[in-house]
Amino acid sequence: MVLPALGESVTEGTVTRWLKAEGDTVAVDEPLLEVSTDKVDTEIPSPVAGTLVKILVGEDETAEVGAQLALIGAAGAAAAAPARLPLRLPRPLRPGARRRSGSGRCPGPAPAAPAAPAAAPAPVAAAPAAPAPVAAPAPVAAAPAAAAPAADAGDAYVTPLVRKLAAEHGVALSAVAGTGVGGRIRKQDVIAAAEAAKAAPAPAAAPAAAAPAKAAAAPSELRGQTVKMTRMRKVIGDNMLKALHEQAQLTSVVEVDVTKIMSLRAKAKDSFLAREGVKLSPMPFFVKAAAQALKAHAVINARINEAEGTITYFDTENIGIAVDSEKGLMTPVIKGAGDLNIAGISKKTAELASKVRGNKITPDELSGATFTISNTGSRGALFDTVIVPPNQVAILGIGATVKRPVVIEADGGTAIGIRDMTYLSLSYDHRLVDGADAARYLVAVKEILEAGEFEVELGL
């Protein structure tokens, strides 16, 4: 089994977790290991059915695309292999793989390894089996089965991702039975426990106690802990620092009256769902307006090629949509957004967001953005000074939509009305984009949204 190609720009991946141990039986397309790249974390399925004979690239080791990860033989091929030790020994590096710096998986010095084989004979694994010597071969096969109950949910290793997910869903890890290797708790176990809790009938006294309990949020399970920084968090941090250090960034803001957009959405959302099969959120209107304005303001949809001393003005609008996932910020890309209507943008946005949250997104779907939109308003932020991603010159931030009293000019007079208002912020690289350029683009987006001429697309 080799590391498959995970995208055009991905040349290597780091094994973050093996989901099977040597000697385990695997089925075709059954998840075998988890791999992390600079773009995305993903599960790699087994290409064939059989037995995992040998793991060639250990956890926290990095391999190039095409490098061998493991050997998979016919069913039962590992029966003659020596029994695995209860404790995993640090593996030496293999050709094509390298140890990630700071992984902490090999704390012991190299000379300590030769001492371990003395404990390798079968009696170690045979200890829990029947005392009769005739039954000696049986413990070898029984050892993997005994591993699951031996791992207590409270003592088993739990990844920071799983702890965060459990905290968000209010799931007590001590009450979750892990289905991973050695009884390890996986994210699927937490989600299943959360769904089971929702389905359980509430006790009769719950309504009376609900009011005071709702006021205080449950303490995070991360309080007081020091955990290893995930690869995804490191990649996000490196990209943000790179962008801030290499660009001259600043932000401009405009206020937009989106009352007509909200009214159109309220009128069309039911028929839109029935016709298109996806919900109509406000987001597609902002994406449509942003993409339409980019066509007239090419300086916003561009890239600085520092090595060549040139500027590329793109002829397509590939818009990245920032998505808040359990692993951190991810930005899937709507390719050719400027050529899509509201329905097309809605479907593509829903598809990409679902893939991100289901850990099914591919590196190619996360690359190629020429412009990005971040909707922090969906989490209640009034507006945000968002950071321009690398290889782009601008990013649009959408603030929360709130009802406010506003002065309205109508019929030659003024009045006070309650309107749906939001802030749009544009962060940009001043090396290419001047303040006037940013203002002109923002005003163009504002005018498209306030005009709200989407009736035909919505079938109204």
Protein backbone atom coordinates (compact mmCIF):
# COMPACT_ATOMS: atom_id res chain seq x y z
CA MET A 1 0.00 0.00 0.00
CA VAL A 2 1.39 3.40 -1.00
CA LEU A 3 0.52 7.00 -0.12
CA PRO A 4 -1.92 8.07 -2.86
CA ALA A 5 -1.94 11.47 -4.54
CA LEU A 6 -4.04 13.78 -2.36
CA GLY A 7 -4.07 16.80 -4.65
CA GLU A 8 -2.09 18.57 -7.33
CA SER A 9 -0.05 20.64 -4.89
CA VAL A 10 0.41 17.93 -2.23
CA THR A 11 3.75 16.10 -2.37
CA GLU A 12 3.88 14.46 1.06
CA GLY A 13 1.78 13.55 4.06
CA THR A 14 2.28 12.78 7.75
CA VAL A 15 0.74 9.67 9.31
CA THR A 16 -1.16 10.94 12.34
CA ARG A 17 -2.83 7.69 13.39
CA TRP A 18 -3.07 4.06 12.34
CA LEU A 19 -6.63 2.79 12.72
CA LYS A 20 -5.51 -0.84 12.50
CA ALA A 21 -2.66 -2.73 14.16
CA GLU A 22 -0.34 -5.27 12.56
CA GLY A 23 -2.16 -8.58 12.32
CA ASP A 24 -5.61 -6.99 12.04
CA THR A 25 -7.94 -7.95 9.20
CA VAL A 26 -9.00 -5.14 6.86
CA ALA A 27 -11.73 -4.91 4.23
CA VAL A 28 -11.64 -3.09 0.92
CA ASP A 29 -12.21 0.67 1.41
CA GLU A 30 -12.13 0.30 5.20
CA PRO A 31 -10.37 3.31 6.81
CA LEU A 32 -6.84 2.17 7.59
CA LEU A 33 -4.95 5.27 8.68
CA GLU A 34 -5.24 9.04 9.05
CA VAL A 35 -2.87 11.29 7.11
CA SER A 36 -2.28 15.01 7.56
CA THR A 37 -1.06 17.34 4.80
CA ASP A 38 -0.56 21.08 4.54
CA LYS A 39 -4.05 21.26 3.05
CA VAL A 40 -6.25 18.79 4.90
CA ASP A 41 -6.43 15.82 7.26
CA THR A 42 -8.01 12.73 5.72
CA GLU A 43 -8.55 9.01 6.21
CA ILE A 44 -6.85 6.63 3.76
CA PRO A 45 -8.85 3.45 3.04
CA SER A 46 -7.37 0.04 2.39
CA PRO A 47 -7.10 -0.66 -1.36
CA VAL A 48 -7.54 -4.42 -0.85
CA ALA A 49 -8.96 -6.91 1.63
CA GLY A 50 -6.57 -8.96 3.72
CA THR A 51 -4.34 -8.74 6.78
CA LEU A 52 -2.16 -5.80 7.77
CA VAL A 53 1.18 -7.61 7.80
CA LYS A 54 3.60 -4.74 8.38
CA ILE A 55 3.42 -1.00 9.05
CA LEU A 56 6.28 0.70 7.22
CA VAL A 57 5.63 4.35 8.14
CA GLY A 58 4.86 4.95 11.80
CA GLU A 59 2.74 7.62 13.42
CA ASP A 60 4.21 11.13 13.19
CA GLU A 61 6.44 10.07 10.30
CA THR A 62 6.24 11.89 6.96
CA ALA A 63 6.27 10.12 3.59
CA GLU A 64 6.27 11.32 0.01
CA VAL A 65 3.39 10.58 -2.36
CA GLY A 66 3.96 7.09 -3.78
CA ALA A 67 6.03 5.88 -0.81
CA GLN A 68 5.11 2.51 0.73
CA LEU A 69 3.04 2.85 3.90
CA ALA A 70 2.28 -0.77 4.77
CA LEU A 71 2.24 -4.35 3.55
CA ILE A 72 -1.15 -6.03 3.24
CA GLY A 73 -1.23 -9.79 2.71
CA ALA A 74 -3.89 -12.43 2.26
CA ALA A 75 -6.22 -13.10 5.17
CA GLY A 76 -4.31 -14.82 7.97
CA ALA A 77 -0.93 -13.94 6.50
CA ALA A 78 0.23 -12.47 9.79
CA ALA A 79 -0.53 -15.58 11.85
CA ALA A 80 3.08 -16.69 11.80
CA ALA A 81 4.38 -13.28 12.76
CA PRO A 82 5.71 -12.84 16.30
CA ALA A 83 3.24 -11.55 18.86
CA ARG A 84 3.15 -7.78 19.28
CA LEU A 85 4.46 -6.36 22.52
CA PRO A 86 1.99 -4.59 24.81
CA LEU A 87 4.08 -1.42 24.50
CA ARG A 88 4.96 -0.05 21.09
CA LEU A 89 8.69 0.40 20.62
CA PRO A 90 9.96 3.43 18.70
CA ARG A 91 10.37 2.50 15.06
CA PRO A 92 13.59 3.39 13.22
CA LEU A 93 13.07 5.67 10.24
CA ARG A 94 12.45 3.92 6.93
CA PRO A 95 13.60 5.04 3.49
CA GLY A 96 11.22 7.72 2.20
CA ALA A 97 10.05 8.68 5.70
CA ARG A 98 11.31 11.13 8.28
CA ARG A 99 10.45 11.85 11.88
CA ARG A 100 8.62 15.11 12.52
CA SER A 101 10.60 17.39 14.75
CA GLY A 102 9.32 17.65 18.28
CA SER A 103 6.94 14.72 17.96
CA GLY A 104 8.03 13.27 21.28
CA ARG A 105 7.31 9.71 20.21
CA CYS A 106 10.86 8.45 20.73
CA PRO A 107 11.77 9.68 24.22
CA GLY A 108 14.16 6.82 24.97
CA PRO A 109 17.74 6.59 23.64
CA ALA A 110 18.43 4.22 20.76
CA PRO A 111 20.47 1.68 22.81
CA ALA A 112 17.40 0.87 24.91
CA ALA A 113 15.72 -0.94 22.01
CA PRO A 114 17.86 -4.13 22.02
CA ALA A 115 16.89 -4.85 25.63
CA ALA A 116 13.22 -5.24 24.76
CA PRO A 117 13.41 -8.46 22.66
CA ALA A 118 14.16 -10.42 25.83
CA ALA A 119 10.50 -9.95 26.76
CA ALA A 120 9.30 -10.86 23.28
CA PRO A 121 8.72 -14.67 23.62
CA ALA A 122 5.18 -15.96 23.55
CA PRO A 123 4.79 -16.39 27.35
CA VAL A 124 4.30 -12.61 27.64
CA ALA A 125 1.23 -12.74 25.43
CA ALA A 126 0.21 -16.14 26.76
CA ALA A 127 0.00 -15.04 30.40
CA PRO A 128 -3.75 -14.28 30.39
CA ALA A 129 -4.57 -17.53 28.55
CA ALA A 130 -5.36 -20.96 29.94
CA PRO A 131 -2.41 -22.56 31.81
CA ALA A 132 -2.42 -25.71 29.69
CA PRO A 133 0.59 -25.70 27.33
CA VAL A 134 -1.56 -27.25 24.60
CA ALA A 135 -3.51 -23.98 24.29
CA ALA A 136 -0.34 -21.92 23.71
CA PRO A 137 -1.12 -21.02 20.07
CA ALA A 138 -4.54 -19.61 21.00
CA PRO A 139 -3.38 -16.59 23.00
CA VAL A 140 -1.65 -15.13 19.95
CA ALA A 141 -4.99 -14.75 18.18
CA ALA A 142 -6.80 -13.77 21.36
CA ALA A 143 -4.44 -10.95 22.28
CA PRO A 144 -5.97 -8.31 20.00
CA ALA A 145 -9.45 -9.04 21.33
CA ALA A 146 -8.29 -8.57 24.90
CA ALA A 147 -6.88 -5.14 24.12
CA ALA A 148 -10.22 -3.39 23.80
CA PRO A 149 -11.67 -4.07 27.28
CA ALA A 150 -8.27 -3.53 28.85
CA ALA A 151 -8.28 0.12 27.85
CA ASP A 152 -10.30 2.15 30.32
CA ALA A 153 -12.12 5.16 28.79
CA GLY A 154 -10.73 7.45 31.42
CA ASP A 155 -7.10 6.32 30.91
CA ALA A 156 -7.04 5.82 27.13
CA TYR A 157 -5.30 8.46 25.05
CA VAL A 158 -7.78 11.01 23.73
CA THR A 159 -6.78 13.47 21.02
CA PRO A 160 -7.32 17.21 21.57
CA LEU A 161 -9.76 17.14 18.66
CA VAL A 162 -11.93 14.53 20.38
CA ARG A 163 -11.76 16.40 23.71
CA LYS A 164 -12.86 19.62 22.00
CA LEU A 165 -15.70 17.84 20.23
CA ALA A 166 -16.84 16.24 23.49
CA ALA A 167 -16.79 19.61 25.26
CA GLU A 168 -18.84 21.22 22.49
CA HIS A 169 -21.49 18.49 22.68
CA GLY A 170 -21.42 18.19 26.48
CA VAL A 171 -20.33 14.55 26.34
CA ALA A 172 -18.47 13.04 29.30
CA LEU A 173 -15.58 11.02 27.88
CA SER A 174 -15.58 8.71 30.88
CA ALA A 175 -18.99 7.44 29.78
CA VAL A 176 -18.02 6.83 26.15
CA ALA A 177 -17.00 3.36 24.95
CA GLY A 178 -14.21 3.72 22.40
CA THR A 179 -14.33 1.74 19.16
CA GLY A 180 -10.80 2.57 18.02
CA VAL A 181 -7.66 0.50 18.36
CA GLY A 182 -7.16 -0.53 21.98
CA GLY A 183 -10.49 1.01 22.94
CA ARG A 184 -9.41 4.50 21.86
CA ILE A 185 -12.26 7.01 21.73
CA ARG A 186 -12.79 8.41 18.23
CA LYS A 187 -14.81 11.40 17.07
CA GLN A 188 -17.49 9.03 15.74
CA ASP A 189 -17.94 7.68 19.28
CA VAL A 190 -18.45 11.19 20.67
CA ILE A 191 -20.96 12.09 17.95
CA ALA A 192 -22.87 8.85 18.55
CA ALA A 193 -22.97 9.55 22.30
CA ALA A 194 -24.23 13.09 21.66
CA GLU A 195 -26.97 11.83 19.35
CA ALA A 196 -27.97 9.20 21.90
CA ALA A 197 -28.21 11.87 24.59
CA LYS A 198 -30.47 13.99 22.38
CA ALA A 199 -32.75 11.05 21.70
CA ALA A 200 -33.04 10.11 25.38
CA PRO A 201 -36.27 11.31 27.06
CA ALA A 202 -35.80 14.21 29.44
CA PRO A 203 -36.59 13.60 33.13
CA ALA A 204 -39.81 15.06 34.48
CA ALA A 205 -38.02 17.58 36.69
CA ALA A 206 -35.90 18.91 33.82
CA PRO A 207 -38.16 21.86 32.84
CA ALA A 208 -37.91 23.41 36.29
CA ALA A 209 -34.12 23.07 36.41
CA ALA A 210 -33.52 24.18 32.82
CA ALA A 211 -33.74 27.94 33.43
CA PRO A 212 -30.92 28.30 35.99
CA ALA A 213 -28.73 25.66 34.29
CA LYS A 214 -28.83 27.48 30.95
CA ALA A 215 -27.22 30.58 32.41
CA ALA A 216 -23.86 28.91 33.05
CA ALA A 217 -21.95 27.14 30.27
CA ALA A 218 -20.22 23.87 31.09
CA PRO A 219 -16.49 24.33 31.79
CA SER A 220 -14.26 23.29 28.90
CA GLU A 221 -12.39 20.01 29.34
CA LEU A 222 -9.28 21.80 28.06
CA ARG A 223 -9.03 23.98 31.18
CA GLY A 224 -5.76 23.39 33.00
CA GLN A 225 -4.30 21.20 30.25
CA THR A 226 -1.24 21.48 28.04
CA VAL A 227 -1.80 19.63 24.78
CA LYS A 228 0.22 19.08 21.64
CA MET A 229 -0.45 21.60 18.88
CA THR A 230 -2.20 19.89 15.99
CA ARG A 231 -0.70 19.93 12.51
CA MET A 232 -3.75 21.82 11.21
CA ARG A 233 -3.31 24.52 13.87
CA LYS A 234 0.37 24.85 12.95
CA VAL A 235 -0.44 25.22 9.26
CA ILE A 236 -3.06 27.89 9.97
CA GLY A 237 -0.64 29.76 12.23
CA ASP A 238 2.22 29.60 9.74
CA ASN A 239 0.00 30.89 6.91
CA MET A 240 -1.35 33.77 8.98
CA LEU A 241 2.11 34.84 10.13
CA LYS A 242 3.45 34.57 6.60
CA ALA A 243 0.63 36.77 5.30
CA LEU A 244 1.07 39.45 7.98
CA HIS A 245 4.85 39.53 7.65
CA GLU A 246 4.93 39.71 3.86
CA GLN A 247 2.00 42.04 3.15
CA ALA A 248 1.13 45.64 4.02
CA GLN A 249 -2.35 44.92 5.34
CA LEU A 250 -5.08 47.30 6.43
CA THR A 251 -8.89 47.30 6.47
CA SER A 252 -11.72 49.48 5.13
CA VAL A 253 -15.36 49.18 6.26
CA VAL A 254 -18.75 50.16 4.81
CA GLU A 255 -22.26 49.87 6.24
CA VAL A 256 -24.84 48.12 4.08
CA ASP A 257 -28.64 48.09 4.23
CA VAL A 258 -29.61 44.49 3.44
CA THR A 259 -33.31 44.86 4.24
CA LYS A 260 -34.36 43.97 0.69
CA ILE A 261 -32.08 40.91 0.64
CA MET A 262 -33.57 39.65 3.91
CA SER A 263 -37.09 40.26 2.58
CA LEU A 264 -36.40 38.39 -0.67
CA ARG A 265 -34.92 35.49 1.26
CA ALA A 266 -37.94 35.28 3.57
CA LYS A 267 -40.31 35.19 0.58
CA ALA A 268 -38.33 32.67 -1.46
CA LYS A 269 -36.76 30.29 1.07
CA ASP A 270 -39.56 27.68 1.13
CA SER A 271 -40.00 27.45 -2.64
CA PHE A 272 -36.22 27.60 -3.10
CA LEU A 273 -35.71 24.62 -0.78
CA ALA A 274 -38.39 22.61 -2.57
CA ARG A 275 -36.97 23.45 -6.00
CA GLU A 276 -33.21 23.36 -5.41
CA GLY A 277 -32.92 20.92 -2.51
CA VAL A 278 -30.79 23.25 -0.35
CA LYS A 279 -31.63 25.99 2.13
CA LEU A 280 -31.39 29.61 1.03
CA SER A 281 -29.08 31.45 3.43
CA PRO A 282 -27.94 35.08 3.13
CA MET A 283 -24.40 33.95 2.21
CA PRO A 284 -24.99 33.30 -1.54
CA PHE A 285 -26.17 36.90 -2.00
CA PHE A 286 -22.88 38.20 -0.59
CA VAL A 287 -20.85 35.77 -2.70
CA LYS A 288 -22.78 36.76 -5.83
CA ALA A 289 -22.31 40.47 -5.16
CA ALA A 290 -18.62 40.06 -4.34
CA ALA A 291 -17.93 38.02 -7.49
CA GLN A 292 -19.89 40.42 -9.69
CA ALA A 293 -17.95 43.41 -8.34
CA LEU A 294 -14.61 41.63 -8.83
CA LYS A 295 -15.19 41.57 -12.59
CA ALA A 296 -15.13 45.38 -12.67
CA HIS A 297 -12.36 45.78 -10.07
CA ALA A 298 -9.56 43.49 -11.26
CA VAL A 299 -7.01 44.93 -8.83
CA ILE A 300 -8.89 43.20 -5.98
CA ASN A 301 -8.83 39.82 -7.77
CA ALA A 302 -5.08 39.59 -8.31
CA ARG A 303 -1.80 38.14 -7.06
CA ILE A 304 1.67 39.60 -6.61
CA ASN A 305 4.42 37.36 -8.03
CA GLU A 306 7.31 38.58 -5.89
CA ALA A 307 10.05 36.45 -7.43
CA GLU A 308 9.24 37.63 -10.96
CA GLY A 309 8.27 41.18 -10.00
CA THR A 310 4.93 40.84 -11.80
CA ILE A 311 1.20 41.01 -11.06
CA THR A 312 -1.39 38.49 -12.24
CA TYR A 313 -4.94 39.77 -12.76
CA PHE A 314 -7.23 36.75 -12.80
CA ASP A 315 -9.96 36.28 -15.39
CA THR A 316 -12.02 34.00 -13.16
CA GLU A 317 -13.45 34.46 -9.68
CA ASN A 318 -12.44 31.52 -7.50
CA ILE A 319 -13.83 32.49 -4.12
CA GLY A 320 -12.69 30.80 -0.91
CA ILE A 321 -15.34 30.47 1.79
CA ALA A 322 -13.97 30.34 5.34
CA VAL A 323 -15.62 27.46 7.23
CA ASP A 324 -15.39 26.94 10.99
CA SER A 325 -14.73 23.22 11.50
CA GLU A 326 -13.91 21.12 14.57
CA LYS A 327 -10.29 20.96 13.37
CA GLY A 328 -9.99 24.69 12.83
CA LEU A 329 -10.45 27.18 10.01
CA MET A 330 -10.66 25.66 6.54
CA THR A 331 -11.33 27.51 3.29
CA PRO A 332 -12.87 25.45 0.47
CA VAL A 333 -13.05 27.19 -2.90
CA ILE A 334 -16.05 27.87 -5.16
CA LYS A 335 -14.39 27.68 -8.58
CA GLY A 336 -15.82 30.07 -11.18
CA ALA A 337 -18.17 31.73 -8.68
CA GLY A 338 -18.63 34.69 -11.03
CA ASP A 339 -20.42 32.42 -13.52
CA LEU A 340 -22.86 30.91 -11.01
CA ASN A 341 -26.33 32.09 -10.05
CA ILE A 342 -27.76 32.15 -6.52
CA ALA A 343 -28.88 28.51 -6.75
CA GLY A 344 -25.48 27.34 -8.02
CA ILE A 345 -23.63 29.21 -5.28
CA SER A 346 -26.01 27.85 -2.63
CA LYS A 347 -25.51 24.25 -3.74
CA LYS A 348 -21.75 24.54 -3.99
CA THR A 349 -21.47 26.27 -0.61
CA ALA A 350 -23.60 23.60 1.08
CA GLU A 351 -21.63 20.81 -0.61
CA LEU A 352 -18.22 22.17 0.39
CA ALA A 353 -19.26 23.02 3.96
CA SER A 354 -20.67 19.51 4.38
CA LYS A 355 -17.42 17.98 3.13
CA VAL A 356 -15.37 20.10 5.53
CA ARG A 357 -17.45 19.15 8.57
CA GLY A 358 -17.56 15.50 7.49
CA ASN A 359 -13.78 15.39 6.97
CA LYS A 360 -14.31 14.53 3.28
CA ILE A 361 -12.79 17.66 1.71
CA THR A 362 -9.89 17.16 -0.71
CA PRO A 363 -6.75 19.30 -1.08
CA ASP A 364 -7.82 20.38 -4.58
CA GLU A 365 -11.08 21.74 -3.16
CA LEU A 366 -9.06 23.84 -0.69
CA SER A 367 -6.70 25.38 -3.24
CA GLY A 368 -6.85 27.88 -6.08
CA ALA A 369 -8.71 30.76 -4.41
CA THR A 370 -8.20 34.20 -5.95
CA PHE A 371 -10.32 35.98 -3.31
CA THR A 372 -11.77 34.95 0.06
CA ILE A 373 -14.92 35.72 2.07
CA SER A 374 -15.12 35.26 5.86
CA ASN A 375 -18.55 35.38 7.50
CA THR A 376 -17.75 35.94 11.18
CA GLY A 377 -21.14 37.63 11.48
CA SER A 378 -22.72 34.19 11.55
CA ARG A 379 -21.12 33.82 14.99
CA GLY A 380 -22.29 37.25 16.15
CA ALA A 381 -19.26 39.44 15.36
CA LEU A 382 -20.17 43.02 14.41
CA PHE A 383 -17.25 43.16 12.00
CA ASP A 384 -13.72 41.78 11.76
CA THR A 385 -10.31 42.92 10.54
CA VAL A 386 -9.67 39.68 8.69
CA ILE A 387 -6.19 38.67 7.50
CA VAL A 388 -5.52 38.45 3.76
CA PRO A 389 -4.46 34.88 2.88
CA PRO A 390 -1.12 34.23 1.15
CA ASN A 391 -1.13 34.62 -2.66
CA GLN A 392 -4.17 36.91 -2.54
CA VAL A 393 -4.47 40.68 -2.19
CA ALA A 394 -7.86 41.04 -0.46
CA ILE A 395 -10.46 39.32 1.70
CA LEU A 396 -14.04 40.36 2.45
CA GLY A 397 -15.45 40.10 5.97
CA ILE A 398 -19.20 39.92 6.58
CA GLY A 399 -20.49 41.17 9.93
CA ALA A 400 -23.65 40.27 11.81
CA THR A 401 -26.95 41.52 10.40
CA VAL A 402 -28.85 43.48 13.04
CA LYS A 403 -32.01 45.59 13.05
CA ARG A 404 -31.28 49.25 13.75
CA PRO A 405 -33.08 52.60 13.44
CA VAL A 406 -31.75 54.30 10.31
CA VAL A 407 -32.35 57.65 8.62
CA ILE A 408 -34.10 56.96 5.31
CA GLU A 409 -34.22 59.40 2.39
CA ALA A 410 -37.55 58.99 0.56
CA ASP A 411 -39.83 61.22 -1.51
CA GLY A 412 -37.64 64.24 -0.99
CA GLY A 413 -37.78 63.95 2.80
CA THR A 414 -36.22 62.02 5.66
CA ALA A 415 -37.64 59.51 8.08
CA ILE A 416 -36.51 57.05 10.71
CA GLY A 417 -37.03 53.39 9.88
CA ILE A 418 -36.02 50.00 11.27
CA ARG A 419 -33.68 48.35 8.77
CA ASP A 420 -31.52 45.22 8.52
CA MET A 421 -27.95 46.54 8.61
CA THR A 422 -24.54 44.91 8.35
CA TYR A 423 -20.90 45.92 8.06
CA LEU A 424 -18.63 44.74 5.25
CA SER A 425 -14.89 44.95 5.87
CA LEU A 426 -12.24 44.58 3.19
CA SER A 427 -8.70 43.80 4.30
CA TYR A 428 -6.21 44.32 1.49
CA ASP A 429 -2.52 44.38 0.60
CA HIS A 430 -1.53 48.03 0.25
CA ARG A 431 1.44 47.05 -1.92
CA LEU A 432 -1.04 46.65 -4.78
CA VAL A 433 -4.42 47.91 -3.59
CA ASP A 434 -4.79 51.58 -2.65
CA GLY A 435 -7.40 52.86 -0.22
CA ALA A 436 -9.43 54.34 -3.07
CA ASP A 437 -9.42 50.97 -4.86
CA ALA A 438 -10.70 49.26 -1.73
CA ALA A 439 -13.41 51.88 -1.21
CA ARG A 440 -14.59 51.66 -4.82
CA TYR A 441 -14.87 47.88 -4.59
CA LEU A 442 -16.75 47.98 -1.28
CA VAL A 443 -19.19 50.58 -2.62
CA ALA A 444 -19.79 48.41 -5.70
CA VAL A 445 -20.65 45.41 -3.49
CA LYS A 446 -22.84 47.64 -1.30
CA GLU A 447 -24.80 48.94 -4.30
CA ILE A 448 -25.46 45.44 -5.64
CA LEU A 449 -26.73 44.24 -2.26
CA GLU A 450 -28.88 47.27 -1.55
CA ALA A 451 -30.43 47.14 -5.03
CA GLY A 452 -31.29 43.48 -4.35
CA GLU A 453 -32.24 42.67 -7.94
CA PHE A 454 -32.44 38.90 -7.49
CA GLU A 455 -36.16 38.32 -8.04
CA VAL A 456 -35.70 36.55 -11.38
CA GLU A 457 -33.08 34.15 -9.99
CA LEU A 458 -35.33 33.36 -7.04
CA GLY A 459 -38.43 32.84 -9.18
CA LEU A 460 -40.33 35.73 -7.58
